[in-house]
Amino acid sequence: MANTFLGWGKWSLLVAGVLGFFICAGMMIIGRRNRSQTAVDGAAGVPWVLAGLALTSLAAGIAGVALS
């Protein structure tokens, strides 16, 4: 039961991370013309998405080891 919950959580957060990359890319594309602050905000979001994905994979690995 716990492994199923961890699996669902890991995959849902992975999908959210991919959506986050798409949102950041969209902001950078939209901000290219006359909205430079939007492009900057999109570029600044990329490290946060990467950090969230890294934290997700680390937490899933640790929780998986702790439960087995």
Protein backbone atom coordinates (compact mmCIF):
# COMPACT_ATOMS: atom_id res chain seq x y z
CA MET A 1 0.00 0.00 0.00
CA ALA A 2 2.74 2.45 0.91
CA ASN A 3 4.72 1.61 -2.25
CA THR A 4 1.63 2.29 -4.36
CA PHE A 5 1.16 5.65 -2.65
CA LEU A 6 4.84 6.55 -3.18
CA GLY A 7 4.63 5.52 -6.82
CA TRP A 8 1.57 7.66 -7.48
CA GLY A 9 3.11 10.60 -5.65
CA LYS A 10 6.42 10.32 -7.49
CA TRP A 11 4.79 10.16 -10.91
CA SER A 12 2.35 12.99 -10.21
CA LEU A 13 5.20 15.22 -9.08
CA LEU A 14 7.20 14.25 -12.17
CA VAL A 15 4.28 15.32 -14.36
CA ALA A 16 4.02 18.57 -12.39
CA GLY A 17 7.74 19.16 -12.96
CA VAL A 18 7.39 18.71 -16.72
CA LEU A 19 4.45 21.11 -16.70
CA GLY A 20 6.61 23.55 -14.74
CA PHE A 21 9.28 23.40 -17.45
CA PHE A 22 6.61 24.04 -20.10
CA ILE A 23 5.30 27.04 -18.16
CA CYS A 24 8.80 28.46 -17.76
CA ALA A 25 9.50 27.97 -21.46
CA GLY A 26 6.20 29.61 -22.38
CA MET A 27 6.98 32.60 -20.19
CA MET A 28 10.37 32.95 -21.84
CA ILE A 29 8.82 32.76 -25.31
CA ILE A 30 6.05 35.24 -24.51
CA GLY A 31 8.48 37.60 -22.77
CA ARG A 32 10.86 37.74 -25.71
CA ARG A 33 9.08 40.71 -27.25
CA ASN A 34 8.60 43.88 -25.16
CA ARG A 35 8.01 41.95 -21.91
CA SER A 36 11.52 41.24 -20.71
CA GLN A 37 10.44 40.83 -17.06
CA THR A 38 8.22 37.91 -18.03
CA ALA A 39 11.17 36.21 -19.74
CA VAL A 40 13.34 36.83 -16.69
CA ASP A 41 10.68 35.33 -14.40
CA GLY A 42 10.45 32.28 -16.66
CA ALA A 43 14.22 31.79 -16.64
CA ALA A 44 14.34 32.24 -12.88
CA GLY A 45 11.74 29.49 -12.46
CA VAL A 46 13.88 26.82 -14.14
CA PRO A 47 16.25 26.28 -11.15
CA TRP A 48 13.26 26.03 -8.82
CA VAL A 49 11.67 23.34 -10.99
CA LEU A 50 14.97 21.45 -11.11
CA ALA A 51 15.35 21.70 -7.34
CA GLY A 52 11.81 20.43 -6.81
CA LEU A 53 12.39 17.45 -9.10
CA ALA A 54 15.69 16.64 -7.36
CA LEU A 55 14.02 16.82 -3.96
CA THR A 56 11.20 14.59 -5.18
CA SER A 57 13.55 11.90 -6.45
CA LEU A 58 15.65 12.06 -3.28
CA ALA A 59 12.61 11.83 -1.01
CA ALA A 60 11.09 8.96 -2.98
CA GLY A 61 14.35 7.03 -2.81
CA ILE A 62 14.81 7.57 0.91
CA ALA A 63 11.19 6.71 1.69
CA GLY A 64 11.40 3.58 -0.44
CA VAL A 65 14.48 2.36 1.43
CA ALA A 66 12.95 3.22 4.80
CA LEU A 67 9.76 1.28 4.04
CA SER A 68 11.47 -1.85 2.73
